[in-house]
Amino acid sequence: MIIDRIAFRNLLDEGERIVYVAHVHPFIIYPVLFRVLLFSLLIPAIGYFVFPPLWGIWLGWAALGAVVFVYRLFEWYMGAWIITDCAVIHQEWNSPFGAPSCALATSA
């Protein structure tokens, strides 16, 4: 997939190609994403309809919730096992500034 090649290109050696990328099953992340959407987007939307003069608070709350949603989505997507033609790489994503990985080289 094109997104996999872009997202994990810094983990590959020259001439190495991605065969498969294994993520945690989406059913594991759905409850987390649902909770974030509920508390960060639905509650501000209801709050806006109940108290429209406080629109700045609701907008800020929703914007922060959108950032948390994207962060959780990236955390799920970037934490993966990357199977290449030369190695198996375990990539963890703790934050945009730290993504430890370890590789297990294979030989044919």
C-alpha atoms as a PDB file:
ATOM      1  CA  MET A   1       0.000   0.000   0.000  1.00  0.00           C
ATOM      2  CA  ILE A   2       1.245   3.481  -0.781  1.00  0.00           C
ATOM      3  CA  ILE A   3       0.587   4.803   2.734  1.00  0.00           C
ATOM      4  CA  ASP A   4       2.696   1.998   4.224  1.00  0.00           C
ATOM      5  CA  ARG A   5       5.595   2.785   1.921  1.00  0.00           C
ATOM      6  CA  ILE A   6       5.463   6.452   2.915  1.00  0.00           C
ATOM      7  CA  ALA A   7       4.897   5.906   6.649  1.00  0.00           C
ATOM      8  CA  PHE A   8       7.580   3.258   7.153  1.00  0.00           C
ATOM      9  CA  ARG A   9      10.192   4.231   4.567  1.00  0.00           C
ATOM     10  CA  ASN A  10      12.683   5.432   7.181  1.00  0.00           C
ATOM     11  CA  LEU A  11      12.813   1.916   8.670  1.00  0.00           C
ATOM     12  CA  LEU A  12      13.869   0.208   5.448  1.00  0.00           C
ATOM     13  CA  ASP A  13      17.387  -0.364   4.218  1.00  0.00           C
ATOM     14  CA  GLU A  14      18.273   0.421   0.627  1.00  0.00           C
ATOM     15  CA  GLY A  15      16.761  -2.089  -1.769  1.00  0.00           C
ATOM     16  CA  GLU A  16      14.402  -3.496   0.857  1.00  0.00           C
ATOM     17  CA  ARG A  17      10.680  -3.644   0.097  1.00  0.00           C
ATOM     18  CA  ILE A  18       7.638  -4.078   2.296  1.00  0.00           C
ATOM     19  CA  VAL A  19       5.823  -7.380   1.872  1.00  0.00           C
ATOM     20  CA  TYR A  20       3.145  -6.973   4.557  1.00  0.00           C
ATOM     21  CA  VAL A  21       2.269  -4.618   7.415  1.00  0.00           C
ATOM     22  CA  ALA A  22       0.410  -6.093  10.399  1.00  0.00           C
ATOM     23  CA  HIS A  23      -1.489  -3.745  12.709  1.00  0.00           C
ATOM     24  CA  VAL A  24      -3.461  -4.463  15.853  1.00  0.00           C
ATOM     25  CA  HIS A  25      -6.985  -5.448  14.857  1.00  0.00           C
ATOM     26  CA  PRO A  26      -9.283  -2.426  14.427  1.00  0.00           C
ATOM     27  CA  PHE A  27     -11.753  -3.875  16.963  1.00  0.00           C
ATOM     28  CA  ILE A  28      -9.149  -3.131  19.641  1.00  0.00           C
ATOM     29  CA  ILE A  29      -8.949   0.570  18.735  1.00  0.00           C
ATOM     30  CA  TYR A  30     -12.685   1.159  18.098  1.00  0.00           C
ATOM     31  CA  PRO A  31     -13.615   1.585  21.794  1.00  0.00           C
ATOM     32  CA  VAL A  32     -10.806   4.105  22.290  1.00  0.00           C
ATOM     33  CA  LEU A  33     -11.766   6.094  19.189  1.00  0.00           C
ATOM     34  CA  PHE A  34     -15.461   5.950  20.098  1.00  0.00           C
ATOM     35  CA  ARG A  35     -14.726   7.308  23.584  1.00  0.00           C
ATOM     36  CA  VAL A  36     -12.636  10.138  22.123  1.00  0.00           C
ATOM     37  CA  LEU A  37     -15.358  11.002  19.620  1.00  0.00           C
ATOM     38  CA  LEU A  38     -18.059  10.895  22.282  1.00  0.00           C
ATOM     39  CA  PHE A  39     -16.303  13.096  24.833  1.00  0.00           C
ATOM     40  CA  SER A  40     -14.540  15.440  22.445  1.00  0.00           C
ATOM     41  CA  LEU A  41     -17.019  16.014  19.636  1.00  0.00           C
ATOM     42  CA  LEU A  42     -20.510  14.978  20.722  1.00  0.00           C
ATOM     43  CA  ILE A  43     -20.486  16.712  24.106  1.00  0.00           C
ATOM     44  CA  PRO A  44     -19.246  20.048  22.648  1.00  0.00           C
ATOM     45  CA  ALA A  45     -21.892  19.813  19.907  1.00  0.00           C
ATOM     46  CA  ILE A  46     -24.641  19.310  22.488  1.00  0.00           C
ATOM     47  CA  GLY A  47     -23.119  22.034  24.658  1.00  0.00           C
ATOM     48  CA  TYR A  48     -23.182  24.438  21.732  1.00  0.00           C
ATOM     49  CA  PHE A  49     -26.893  23.835  21.173  1.00  0.00           C
ATOM     50  CA  VAL A  50     -27.643  24.265  24.888  1.00  0.00           C
ATOM     51  CA  PHE A  51     -25.299  27.233  25.547  1.00  0.00           C
ATOM     52  CA  PRO A  52     -24.543  28.970  22.204  1.00  0.00           C
ATOM     53  CA  PRO A  53     -22.903  32.053  23.759  1.00  0.00           C
ATOM     54  CA  LEU A  54     -20.045  29.819  24.949  1.00  0.00           C
ATOM     55  CA  TRP A  55     -19.157  28.821  21.394  1.00  0.00           C
ATOM     56  CA  GLY A  56     -15.441  29.552  21.933  1.00  0.00           C
ATOM     57  CA  ILE A  57     -15.207  27.004  24.718  1.00  0.00           C
ATOM     58  CA  TRP A  58     -17.041  24.386  22.658  1.00  0.00           C
ATOM     59  CA  LEU A  59     -14.893  25.091  19.598  1.00  0.00           C
ATOM     60  CA  GLY A  60     -11.687  24.802  21.625  1.00  0.00           C
ATOM     61  CA  TRP A  61     -12.905  21.587  23.236  1.00  0.00           C
ATOM     62  CA  ALA A  62     -13.798  20.099  19.837  1.00  0.00           C
ATOM     63  CA  ALA A  63     -10.464  21.169  18.302  1.00  0.00           C
ATOM     64  CA  LEU A  64      -8.536  19.574  21.154  1.00  0.00           C
ATOM     65  CA  GLY A  65     -10.677  16.454  20.759  1.00  0.00           C
ATOM     66  CA  ALA A  66      -9.898  16.290  17.048  1.00  0.00           C
ATOM     67  CA  VAL A  67      -6.175  16.460  17.843  1.00  0.00           C
ATOM     68  CA  VAL A  68      -6.528  13.633  20.387  1.00  0.00           C
ATOM     69  CA  PHE A  69      -8.492  11.578  17.837  1.00  0.00           C
ATOM     70  CA  VAL A  70      -5.783  11.971  15.188  1.00  0.00           C
ATOM     71  CA  TYR A  71      -3.098  11.168  17.778  1.00  0.00           C
ATOM     72  CA  ARG A  72      -4.855   7.933  18.793  1.00  0.00           C
ATOM     73  CA  LEU A  73      -5.334   6.991  15.146  1.00  0.00           C
ATOM     74  CA  PHE A  74      -1.640   7.535  14.429  1.00  0.00           C
ATOM     75  CA  GLU A  75      -0.707   5.604  17.557  1.00  0.00           C
ATOM     76  CA  TRP A  76      -2.692   2.625  16.259  1.00  0.00           C
ATOM     77  CA  TYR A  77      -1.481   2.851  12.649  1.00  0.00           C
ATOM     78  CA  MET A  78       2.201   3.449  13.340  1.00  0.00           C
ATOM     79  CA  GLY A  79       2.475   0.672  15.927  1.00  0.00           C
ATOM     80  CA  ALA A  80       2.922  -2.245  13.557  1.00  0.00           C
ATOM     81  CA  TRP A  81       4.935  -5.240  12.499  1.00  0.00           C
ATOM     82  CA  ILE A  82       6.512  -4.595   9.101  1.00  0.00           C
ATOM     83  CA  ILE A  83       7.465  -7.710   7.172  1.00  0.00           C
ATOM     84  CA  THR A  84       9.993  -7.013   4.456  1.00  0.00           C
ATOM     85  CA  ASP A  85      11.848  -9.265   2.068  1.00  0.00           C
ATOM     86  CA  CYS A  86      14.909  -9.121   4.372  1.00  0.00           C
ATOM     87  CA  ALA A  87      13.645  -8.599   7.931  1.00  0.00           C
ATOM     88  CA  VAL A  88      10.747  -8.365  10.349  1.00  0.00           C
ATOM     89  CA  ILE A  89      10.546  -4.953  12.006  1.00  0.00           C
ATOM     90  CA  HIS A  90       8.543  -4.172  15.144  1.00  0.00           C
ATOM     91  CA  GLN A  91       7.626  -0.478  15.159  1.00  0.00           C
ATOM     92  CA  GLU A  92       6.180   1.218  18.239  1.00  0.00           C
ATOM     93  CA  TRP A  93       4.825   4.750  18.156  1.00  0.00           C
ATOM     94  CA  ASN A  94       4.840   6.529  21.489  1.00  0.00           C
ATOM     95  CA  SER A  95       4.802  10.105  20.223  1.00  0.00           C
ATOM     96  CA  PRO A  96       5.787  12.099  17.151  1.00  0.00           C
ATOM     97  CA  PHE A  97       9.247  12.483  18.686  1.00  0.00           C
ATOM     98  CA  GLY A  98       9.980   8.907  19.702  1.00  0.00           C
ATOM     99  CA  ALA A  99       9.268   5.768  17.725  1.00  0.00           C
ATOM    100  CA  PRO A 100      11.489   2.889  18.821  1.00  0.00           C
ATOM    101  CA  SER A 101      11.803  -0.084  16.548  1.00  0.00           C
ATOM    102  CA  CYS A 102      13.684  -3.340  16.502  1.00  0.00           C
ATOM    103  CA  ALA A 103      14.461  -5.528  13.524  1.00  0.00           C
ATOM    104  CA  LEU A 104      14.946  -9.246  13.219  1.00  0.00           C
ATOM    105  CA  ALA A 105      16.987  -9.999  10.119  1.00  0.00           C
ATOM    106  CA  THR A 106      16.090 -13.073   8.116  1.00  0.00           C
ATOM    107  CA  SER A 107      18.155 -14.934   5.572  1.00  0.00           C
ATOM    108  CA  ALA A 108      17.065 -17.253   2.822  1.00  0.00           C
END
